[in-house]
């Protein structure tokens, strides 16, 4: 058995059956696109500003020869909740889960005589583009990676290795004439020309952003963390296979959120309920702020009992902006 097949077989033993390989190289073809986006202020605050770091994986592993891309499905079936938390946040934090699986595969690669570096989405590389080069999916108009088996409900992880493994054929599929996600996007951020996709207008991004202007506050009503609207209407997400990764099974308390309790969340409650979810990385106050915004749009009247329990100056500022603005 060759080394590539050994890696594929081991990944399948871990319930990871959507895996592909591509040559580790500088992605020169993306340079002008990133330059255009940077010049037009389309980079968001979480995005790597150094274009060379985005297109050159050899800055991470100088002698890298192959990049392995793996899709981690997280969909467990439709939820009965109110969708204030995106589906991807309802299981365990994918950063930790994906990394734990990747490290197991890296251990195998080491046993096969190679070096390996595991990457989750906090790295600067264009992981969705790499996934298309590896043949495991294509990038939809809504900027998600769409796979045949699991639709767009997947996390991505990569491994760079110095093993020279046969690359797979890229996936050149696209959304053809379908524009449903464009029509249903709450902020109309999805446009036909993906070159101008402005992630800074995406509700998912806004729910994670530290400071919101008054218009942005209005846009995120109904959401606490993330947004699934474009995925819920995507035809590629019909009749998909559910995840069997146990760590991504949703917690029931993520489906039905009590805003009164969320607004006065203390540190112990945050650690117990949210810190180990993918929404926990932004900290307690972002969740409280978004809960407060949702409470405002539901009630449109202030609540002295809640105000008395708010100790954070950051949260008090948003309380004043919402309830006491003239």
Protein backbone atom coordinates (compact mmCIF):
# COMPACT_ATOMS: atom_id res chain seq x y z
CA UNK A 1 0.00 0.00 0.00
CA UNK A 2 1.38 3.42 -0.91
CA UNK A 3 1.61 6.25 1.62
CA UNK A 4 -1.26 8.26 0.15
CA UNK A 5 -3.64 5.33 0.39
CA UNK A 6 -2.49 4.61 3.93
CA UNK A 7 -3.42 8.18 4.91
CA UNK A 8 -6.80 7.91 3.17
CA UNK A 9 -7.58 4.60 4.87
CA UNK A 10 -6.62 5.93 8.28
CA UNK A 11 -8.75 9.06 7.77
CA UNK A 12 -11.72 6.83 6.92
CA UNK A 13 -11.19 4.92 10.15
CA UNK A 14 -11.66 8.29 11.84
CA UNK A 15 -14.94 8.80 9.89
CA UNK A 16 -13.27 11.33 7.58
CA UNK A 17 -14.14 10.27 4.06
CA UNK A 18 -13.76 13.58 2.22
CA UNK A 19 -10.04 14.07 1.77
CA UNK A 20 -7.82 15.29 -1.06
CA UNK A 21 -4.23 16.14 -1.95
CA UNK A 22 -2.55 18.93 -3.90
CA UNK A 23 0.99 20.13 -4.52
CA UNK A 24 2.42 22.49 -1.91
CA UNK A 25 3.36 25.58 -3.88
CA UNK A 26 3.03 29.34 -3.94
CA UNK A 27 -0.44 30.24 -5.22
CA UNK A 28 0.73 32.94 -7.59
CA UNK A 29 -2.64 32.92 -9.37
CA UNK A 30 -4.31 34.40 -6.27
CA UNK A 31 -1.94 37.33 -5.80
CA UNK A 32 -3.75 39.86 -8.01
CA UNK A 33 -7.13 38.86 -6.53
CA UNK A 34 -5.93 39.45 -2.96
CA UNK A 35 -4.30 42.71 -4.02
CA UNK A 36 -7.60 43.86 -5.51
CA UNK A 37 -9.49 42.96 -2.34
CA UNK A 38 -6.94 44.69 -0.12
CA UNK A 39 -6.88 47.83 -2.25
CA UNK A 40 -10.69 47.99 -2.15
CA UNK A 41 -10.86 47.57 1.62
CA UNK A 42 -12.48 44.13 1.41
CA UNK A 43 -10.26 42.47 4.02
CA UNK A 44 -11.94 42.04 7.42
CA UNK A 45 -10.31 42.44 10.82
CA UNK A 46 -9.79 38.69 11.28
CA UNK A 47 -8.03 38.29 7.93
CA UNK A 48 -4.26 38.11 7.39
CA UNK A 49 -3.12 41.40 5.82
CA UNK A 50 0.20 40.07 4.48
CA UNK A 51 -0.63 38.69 1.04
CA UNK A 52 2.57 36.66 0.81
CA UNK A 53 1.56 34.74 3.93
CA UNK A 54 -1.81 34.02 2.32
CA UNK A 55 -0.41 32.58 -0.89
CA UNK A 56 2.83 30.91 0.16
CA UNK A 57 2.47 27.76 2.31
CA UNK A 58 6.23 27.29 2.25
CA UNK A 59 6.48 30.09 4.78
CA UNK A 60 4.89 27.57 7.15
CA UNK A 61 6.93 24.56 6.01
CA UNK A 62 9.93 25.37 3.85
CA UNK A 63 10.32 21.86 2.50
CA UNK A 64 6.59 21.15 2.17
CA UNK A 65 5.67 19.09 -0.89
CA UNK A 66 1.98 18.24 -0.40
CA UNK A 67 -1.07 19.85 1.20
CA UNK A 68 -3.83 17.55 2.41
CA UNK A 69 -7.32 19.01 2.77
CA UNK A 70 -9.99 17.29 4.84
CA UNK A 71 -13.68 18.15 5.28
CA UNK A 72 -15.22 17.63 8.72
CA UNK A 73 -19.03 17.40 8.49
CA UNK A 74 -20.99 18.93 11.38
CA UNK A 75 -24.65 18.80 10.35
CA UNK A 76 -26.79 16.65 12.65
CA UNK A 77 -30.17 17.28 11.07
CA UNK A 78 -32.55 20.22 11.24
CA UNK A 79 -32.84 22.05 14.54
CA UNK A 80 -36.04 22.92 16.37
CA UNK A 81 -34.41 25.96 17.97
CA UNK A 82 -34.72 29.60 17.09
CA UNK A 83 -31.50 29.69 15.02
CA UNK A 84 -29.98 32.56 16.99
CA UNK A 85 -26.82 30.48 17.20
CA UNK A 86 -25.49 29.17 13.90
CA UNK A 87 -25.54 25.39 13.49
CA UNK A 88 -21.75 25.25 13.48
CA UNK A 89 -21.56 26.66 17.01
CA UNK A 90 -23.83 24.11 18.69
CA UNK A 91 -21.36 21.28 19.05
CA UNK A 92 -17.88 21.41 20.56
CA UNK A 93 -15.41 24.06 19.39
CA UNK A 94 -14.33 22.90 15.94
CA UNK A 95 -10.88 24.46 16.28
CA UNK A 96 -10.01 21.98 19.04
CA UNK A 97 -11.91 19.04 17.53
CA UNK A 98 -10.45 19.39 14.03
CA UNK A 99 -6.94 19.85 15.39
CA UNK A 100 -7.24 16.71 17.52
CA UNK A 101 -8.16 14.63 14.45
CA UNK A 102 -5.47 16.24 12.30
CA UNK A 103 -2.84 15.50 14.92
CA UNK A 104 -3.73 11.81 14.75
CA UNK A 105 -3.14 11.85 11.00
CA UNK A 106 0.09 13.79 11.49
CA UNK A 107 1.27 11.04 13.83
CA UNK A 108 0.66 8.50 11.08
CA UNK A 109 2.57 10.64 8.57
CA UNK A 110 5.49 10.75 11.00
CA UNK A 111 5.37 6.96 11.23
CA UNK A 112 5.44 6.88 7.42
CA UNK A 113 8.71 8.83 7.50
CA UNK A 114 7.44 12.34 6.85
CA UNK A 115 7.04 15.66 8.60
CA UNK A 116 3.55 17.09 9.09
CA UNK A 117 2.02 20.39 10.17
CA UNK A 118 -1.67 20.56 11.10
CA UNK A 119 -3.65 23.71 10.31
CA UNK A 120 -7.15 24.86 11.26
CA UNK A 121 -8.79 28.05 9.97
CA UNK A 122 -6.77 30.43 12.14
CA UNK A 123 -3.89 30.03 9.66
CA UNK A 124 -3.48 32.56 6.80
CA UNK A 125 -3.83 30.16 3.86
CA UNK A 126 -6.89 30.19 1.54
CA UNK A 127 -8.30 26.91 2.81
CA UNK A 128 -11.41 26.83 0.60
CA UNK A 129 -9.29 27.39 -2.51
CA UNK A 130 -6.92 24.65 -1.39
CA UNK A 131 -9.93 22.36 -0.88
CA UNK A 132 -11.00 22.94 -4.49
CA UNK A 133 -7.48 22.13 -5.70
CA UNK A 134 -7.70 18.91 -3.68
CA UNK A 135 -11.00 18.06 -5.38
CA UNK A 136 -13.11 17.80 -2.22
CA UNK A 137 -15.55 20.57 -3.12
CA UNK A 138 -16.10 23.88 -4.89
CA UNK A 139 -16.61 27.42 -3.65
CA UNK A 140 -20.22 28.56 -3.96
CA UNK A 141 -21.50 32.05 -4.59
CA UNK A 142 -21.99 32.42 -0.84
CA UNK A 143 -18.24 31.82 -0.40
CA UNK A 144 -18.71 28.48 1.37
CA UNK A 145 -16.99 25.23 0.37
CA UNK A 146 -19.65 22.87 -1.01
CA UNK A 147 -19.08 19.11 -0.98
CA UNK A 148 -21.13 16.44 -2.73
CA UNK A 149 -21.90 14.38 0.37
CA UNK A 150 -22.21 16.95 3.15
CA UNK A 151 -23.12 20.12 1.29
CA UNK A 152 -21.59 23.23 2.81
CA UNK A 153 -21.96 22.10 6.42
CA UNK A 154 -18.28 21.24 6.79
CA UNK A 155 -15.25 22.54 8.62
CA UNK A 156 -11.91 22.35 6.85
CA UNK A 157 -8.52 21.28 8.10
CA UNK A 158 -5.19 21.04 6.30
CA UNK A 159 -1.93 19.21 6.75
CA UNK A 160 1.31 20.27 5.08
CA UNK A 161 3.80 17.45 4.71
CA UNK A 162 7.20 16.93 3.13
CA UNK A 163 5.97 13.63 1.69
CA UNK A 164 5.49 13.86 -2.07
CA UNK A 165 2.00 12.43 -2.60
CA UNK A 166 0.09 12.23 -5.87
CA UNK A 167 -2.23 15.23 -6.24
CA UNK A 168 -5.94 14.86 -6.95
CA UNK A 169 -7.87 16.56 -9.73
CA UNK A 170 -9.27 20.00 -8.82
CA UNK A 171 -13.03 20.47 -8.49
CA UNK A 172 -14.20 22.89 -11.18
CA UNK A 173 -17.91 22.74 -10.38
CA UNK A 174 -19.84 25.93 -9.69
CA UNK A 175 -23.33 27.17 -8.87
CA UNK A 176 -24.24 27.62 -12.53
CA UNK A 177 -27.44 29.69 -12.86
CA UNK A 178 -28.64 29.36 -9.27
CA UNK A 179 -28.97 32.64 -7.37
CA UNK A 180 -31.10 31.55 -4.40
CA UNK A 181 -28.51 32.46 -1.77
CA UNK A 182 -28.12 35.90 -3.34
CA UNK A 183 -31.85 36.49 -3.09
CA UNK A 184 -32.12 35.29 0.52
CA UNK A 185 -29.02 36.92 2.03
CA UNK A 186 -30.27 39.35 4.72
CA UNK A 187 -27.59 41.94 3.92
CA UNK A 188 -27.35 41.33 0.14
CA UNK A 189 -23.64 40.65 0.51
CA UNK A 190 -23.67 37.77 -2.00
CA UNK A 191 -23.13 38.96 -5.55
CA UNK A 192 -22.43 37.23 -8.84
CA UNK A 193 -18.87 38.55 -8.96
CA UNK A 194 -17.18 36.76 -6.07
CA UNK A 195 -14.22 39.09 -6.50
CA UNK A 196 -16.21 41.77 -4.69
CA UNK A 197 -17.60 39.56 -1.89
CA UNK A 198 -17.56 41.83 1.14
CA UNK A 199 -17.35 39.64 4.24
CA UNK A 200 -17.55 42.76 6.40
CA UNK A 201 -21.27 42.96 5.54
CA UNK A 202 -21.95 39.31 6.34
CA UNK A 203 -24.07 38.87 9.48
CA UNK A 204 -21.85 36.03 10.64
CA UNK A 205 -18.91 38.44 10.68
CA UNK A 206 -20.91 41.24 12.30
CA UNK A 207 -21.91 39.01 15.22
CA UNK A 208 -18.20 38.49 15.93
CA UNK A 209 -17.00 42.04 15.36
CA UNK A 210 -15.99 43.96 18.50
CA UNK A 211 -17.51 47.34 17.63
CA UNK A 212 -20.80 47.85 15.77
CA UNK A 213 -22.19 51.04 14.30
CA UNK A 214 -25.92 51.76 14.47
CA UNK A 215 -26.68 50.22 11.09
CA UNK A 216 -24.79 47.04 11.96
CA UNK A 217 -26.73 46.76 15.21
CA UNK A 218 -29.93 46.69 13.18
CA UNK A 219 -28.57 44.08 10.79
CA UNK A 220 -27.80 41.44 13.42
CA UNK A 221 -31.23 41.38 15.06
CA UNK A 222 -32.40 37.79 15.33
CA UNK A 223 -28.84 36.46 15.49
CA UNK A 224 -26.46 35.99 18.41
CA UNK A 225 -23.53 34.26 16.72
CA UNK A 226 -23.26 33.33 13.06
CA UNK A 227 -25.82 33.15 10.28
CA UNK A 228 -27.07 30.16 8.28
CA UNK A 229 -29.55 31.84 5.94
CA UNK A 230 -27.61 31.23 2.71
CA UNK A 231 -26.90 27.62 3.68
CA UNK A 232 -30.49 26.83 4.63
CA UNK A 233 -31.73 27.68 1.12
CA UNK A 234 -28.82 26.18 -0.85
CA UNK A 235 -30.01 23.27 -3.07
CA UNK A 236 -26.69 21.52 -2.45
CA UNK A 237 -27.73 21.15 1.20
CA UNK A 238 -30.81 19.11 0.35
CA UNK A 239 -30.58 15.38 1.15
CA UNK A 240 -27.10 15.59 2.58
CA UNK A 241 -25.52 13.00 4.86
CA UNK A 242 -25.46 13.84 8.55
CA UNK A 243 -22.22 13.99 10.48
CA UNK A 244 -21.11 11.05 12.59
CA UNK A 245 -18.41 13.02 14.43
CA UNK A 246 -19.72 12.77 17.97
CA UNK A 247 -18.05 15.99 19.13
CA UNK A 248 -20.26 18.01 16.79
CA UNK A 249 -23.55 16.71 18.16
CA UNK A 250 -25.52 19.84 19.16
CA UNK A 251 -26.15 20.71 22.79
CA UNK A 252 -29.86 21.29 23.43
CA UNK A 253 -29.30 24.49 25.41
CA UNK A 254 -27.85 26.12 22.27
CA UNK A 255 -31.20 25.78 20.49
CA UNK A 256 -33.42 27.74 22.83
CA UNK A 257 -31.73 30.78 24.28
CA UNK A 258 -33.17 32.69 27.23
CA UNK A 259 -32.11 36.27 26.48
CA UNK A 260 -32.70 37.45 30.05
CA UNK A 261 -30.24 34.84 31.29
CA UNK A 262 -27.73 35.47 28.50
CA UNK A 263 -27.60 39.21 29.18
CA UNK A 264 -26.54 38.68 32.81
CA UNK A 265 -24.21 35.76 32.06
CA UNK A 266 -21.37 35.50 34.58
CA UNK A 267 -17.90 34.04 34.06
CA UNK A 268 -18.72 30.65 35.58
CA UNK A 269 -21.83 30.27 33.43
CA UNK A 270 -19.91 31.32 30.31
CA UNK A 271 -17.23 28.71 30.95
CA UNK A 272 -19.82 26.01 31.59
CA UNK A 273 -22.12 26.74 28.66
CA UNK A 274 -20.29 28.56 25.87
CA UNK A 275 -16.50 28.57 26.25
CA UNK A 276 -16.11 25.10 24.70
CA UNK A 277 -18.22 26.01 21.67
CA UNK A 278 -16.99 27.76 18.52
CA UNK A 279 -18.73 30.94 19.66
CA UNK A 280 -16.62 31.05 22.83
CA UNK A 281 -13.42 32.33 21.25
CA UNK A 282 -14.70 35.93 21.12
CA UNK A 283 -15.37 35.94 24.83
CA UNK A 284 -18.38 36.50 27.06
CA UNK A 285 -19.09 40.15 26.30
CA UNK A 286 -19.66 39.67 22.56
CA UNK A 287 -22.37 37.09 23.32
CA UNK A 288 -23.93 39.33 25.97
CA UNK A 289 -23.90 42.33 23.63
CA UNK A 290 -25.60 40.37 20.87
CA UNK A 291 -28.12 38.98 23.35
CA UNK A 292 -28.84 42.53 24.50
CA UNK A 293 -29.40 43.66 20.92
CA UNK A 294 -31.85 40.80 20.38
CA UNK A 295 -33.61 41.64 23.65
CA UNK A 296 -33.99 45.25 22.50
CA UNK A 297 -35.59 44.30 19.20
CA UNK A 298 -37.95 41.90 20.97
CA UNK A 299 -39.05 44.28 23.74
CA UNK A 300 -38.11 47.85 22.68
CA UNK A 301 -38.23 48.84 26.35
CA UNK A 302 -35.48 48.97 28.95
CA UNK A 303 -35.30 46.81 32.05
CA UNK A 304 -33.90 48.28 35.26
CA UNK A 305 -33.41 44.84 36.78
CA UNK A 306 -31.13 43.85 33.92
CA UNK A 307 -29.30 47.17 33.93
CA UNK A 308 -28.48 46.80 37.63
CA UNK A 309 -26.80 43.46 36.93
CA UNK A 310 -24.61 44.73 34.06
CA UNK A 311 -21.11 45.48 35.35
CA UNK A 312 -19.13 45.72 32.10
CA UNK A 313 -18.64 49.30 30.79
CA UNK A 314 -18.62 47.82 27.27
CA UNK A 315 -22.08 46.30 27.74
CA UNK A 316 -23.41 49.39 29.51
CA UNK A 317 -22.39 51.50 26.52
CA UNK A 318 -24.47 49.33 24.20
CA UNK A 319 -27.36 49.39 26.68
CA UNK A 320 -27.33 53.18 26.59
CA UNK A 321 -27.08 53.27 22.80
CA UNK A 322 -30.02 50.92 22.44
CA UNK A 323 -32.46 52.08 25.09
CA UNK A 324 -31.54 55.70 25.76
CA UNK A 325 -30.65 57.01 22.31
CA UNK A 326 -32.64 60.03 21.17
